[in-house]
Protein backbone atom coordinates (compact mmCIF):
# COMPACT_ATOMS: atom_id res chain seq x y z
CA UNK A 1 4.82 43.45 -15.84
CA UNK A 2 3.47 39.89 -16.83
CA UNK A 3 1.87 38.06 -19.85
CA UNK A 4 -1.62 37.01 -19.81
CA UNK A 5 -1.83 33.03 -19.71
CA UNK A 6 -4.54 30.78 -21.83
CA UNK A 7 -4.98 27.56 -21.87
CA UNK A 8 -3.55 25.66 -24.41
CA UNK A 9 -6.77 23.73 -25.69
CA UNK A 10 -7.53 27.81 -26.68
CA UNK A 11 -4.23 28.76 -28.54
CA UNK A 12 -5.10 28.07 -31.55
CA UNK A 13 -8.36 30.60 -31.24
CA UNK A 14 -5.80 32.99 -29.04
CA UNK A 15 -3.68 33.00 -32.58
CA UNK A 16 -6.33 33.62 -34.48
CA UNK A 17 -7.82 36.30 -32.63
CA UNK A 18 -4.82 37.98 -32.92
CA UNK A 19 -4.74 37.76 -36.64
CA UNK A 20 -8.12 39.06 -36.78
CA UNK A 21 -6.60 42.10 -34.63
CA UNK A 22 -4.16 42.53 -37.03
CA UNK A 23 -6.15 42.06 -40.24
CA UNK A 24 -8.16 45.26 -38.09
CA UNK A 25 -5.90 47.58 -37.74
CA UNK A 26 -2.65 47.03 -39.33
CA UNK A 27 -3.31 48.54 -43.06
CA UNK A 28 0.09 47.97 -44.27
CA UNK A 29 0.57 44.02 -43.00
CA UNK A 30 4.01 44.84 -41.52
CA UNK A 31 4.75 42.22 -39.17
CA UNK A 32 1.79 42.64 -36.56
CA UNK A 33 2.65 40.07 -34.34
CA UNK A 34 5.32 37.35 -33.63
CA UNK A 35 5.19 33.72 -32.08
CA UNK A 36 8.00 32.92 -29.96
CA UNK A 37 8.67 29.43 -29.13
CA UNK A 38 10.77 28.65 -26.20
CA UNK A 39 11.36 25.29 -24.67
CA UNK A 40 11.71 25.46 -21.03
CA UNK A 41 11.48 21.89 -20.33
CA UNK A 42 13.77 20.86 -16.93
CA UNK A 43 13.37 24.24 -15.54
CA UNK A 44 11.37 24.51 -11.97
CA UNK A 45 7.85 26.09 -12.32
CA UNK A 46 8.42 28.63 -9.70
CA UNK A 47 11.49 29.86 -11.63
CA UNK A 48 9.31 29.91 -15.09
CA UNK A 49 6.72 31.94 -13.45
CA UNK A 50 9.43 34.41 -11.96
CA UNK A 51 10.92 35.27 -15.77
CA UNK A 52 7.24 35.46 -17.12
CA UNK A 53 6.62 38.25 -14.67
CA UNK A 54 9.60 39.98 -14.83
CA UNK A 55 10.01 39.87 -18.71
CA UNK A 56 6.65 39.96 -20.56
CA UNK A 57 4.44 42.85 -21.14
CA UNK A 58 0.99 42.80 -20.16
CA UNK A 59 0.12 42.46 -23.46
CA UNK A 60 1.53 39.56 -24.35
CA UNK A 61 -0.08 36.09 -24.22
CA UNK A 62 1.13 32.93 -22.80
CA UNK A 63 0.38 29.18 -24.09
CA UNK A 64 2.08 26.33 -23.02
CA UNK A 65 2.18 22.43 -23.03
CA UNK A 66 4.03 21.37 -20.35
CA UNK A 67 7.90 22.75 -21.23
CA UNK A 68 6.73 24.00 -24.60
CA UNK A 69 5.79 27.57 -24.45
CA UNK A 70 4.11 29.81 -26.82
CA UNK A 71 4.48 33.38 -26.29
CA UNK A 72 2.12 35.64 -28.65
CA UNK A 73 3.63 39.21 -28.89
CA UNK A 74 1.61 41.90 -30.90
CA UNK A 75 2.92 44.43 -32.68
CA UNK A 76 6.45 42.98 -32.08
CA UNK A 77 8.50 42.21 -34.98
CA UNK A 78 11.53 39.31 -35.19
CA UNK A 79 13.95 41.88 -33.89
CA UNK A 80 11.88 42.83 -30.56
CA UNK A 81 10.88 39.07 -29.89
CA UNK A 82 14.92 38.31 -30.45
CA UNK A 83 15.00 40.77 -27.78
CA UNK A 84 12.81 38.87 -25.36
CA UNK A 85 14.30 35.61 -26.21
CA UNK A 86 17.43 36.88 -25.32
CA UNK A 87 15.84 38.31 -21.95
CA UNK A 88 14.94 34.84 -21.07
CA UNK A 89 18.27 33.18 -22.02
CA UNK A 90 19.99 36.19 -19.70
CA UNK A 91 17.77 35.36 -17.00
CA UNK A 92 18.19 31.61 -16.69
CA UNK A 93 21.63 31.86 -17.52
CA UNK A 94 21.84 29.55 -20.38
CA UNK A 95 20.69 29.13 -24.40
CA UNK A 96 17.17 28.00 -24.71
CA UNK A 97 15.95 26.00 -27.66
CA UNK A 98 13.65 28.75 -29.28
CA UNK A 99 12.17 29.59 -32.68
CA UNK A 100 10.17 32.55 -33.82
CA UNK A 101 7.54 33.71 -36.53
CA UNK A 102 5.95 36.86 -37.84
CA UNK A 103 2.35 37.08 -39.04
CA UNK A 104 1.91 37.45 -42.06
CA UNK A 105 5.41 37.08 -43.49
CA UNK A 106 5.46 33.08 -41.78
CA UNK A 107 1.98 32.48 -42.95
CA UNK A 108 -1.19 33.74 -43.71
CA UNK A 109 -3.70 31.82 -41.11
CA UNK A 110 -3.08 29.74 -37.78
CA UNK A 111 -3.03 26.80 -39.44
CA UNK A 112 0.02 27.58 -41.83
CA UNK A 113 1.95 29.87 -39.07
CA UNK A 114 1.85 26.29 -36.30
CA UNK A 115 2.43 24.06 -39.17
CA UNK A 116 5.71 25.99 -40.09
CA UNK A 117 6.24 26.53 -36.22
CA UNK A 118 6.13 22.75 -35.98
CA UNK A 119 8.57 22.14 -39.00
CA UNK A 120 11.01 24.27 -38.09
CA UNK A 121 11.38 23.10 -34.68
CA UNK A 122 11.40 19.83 -35.69
CA UNK A 123 14.02 20.81 -38.19
CA UNK A 124 16.16 22.94 -36.07
CA UNK A 125 15.96 21.10 -32.82
CA UNK A 126 15.06 17.60 -33.19
CA UNK A 127 11.71 18.53 -31.03
CA UNK A 128 8.76 17.55 -32.89
CA UNK A 129 6.18 19.38 -31.27
CA UNK A 130 3.13 16.80 -31.27
CA UNK A 131 1.54 19.11 -28.85
CA UNK A 132 0.53 21.24 -32.18
CA UNK A 133 -1.09 18.27 -34.05
CA UNK A 134 -4.07 19.04 -32.73
CA UNK A 135 -4.40 22.39 -34.60
CA UNK A 136 -2.02 21.53 -37.46
CA UNK A 137 -3.62 18.11 -38.62
CA UNK A 138 -6.91 17.31 -40.87
CA UNK A 139 -8.64 14.74 -39.22
């Protein structure tokens, strides 16, 4: 098992793609996918890579900017994403700063979801996630 890694430059497009697939296939608009953020800063890259291979499904998507990792977990509600997060905590034997949001309940557009992620992580963990600025700011 392993997720598919996408360049962070394409992260917003990845979220847009999952929104499009969800809109096309999920008529009841349940929690179609969950976006999980994990702070892997300070963890050796080879250990992070090993965790991704062990924990993620082949249908899961990964995008990261340095130690800020974002996982798009299709057809996974918040409960399921919490299980994935706990698996990462167990793998690293420590509690990781993380946050999760689901489409469409936590945002109807990629911009709204990413703004909510940025605001929530800033509030709860004092991590500004400036890496998301390019996707959330109107220039």
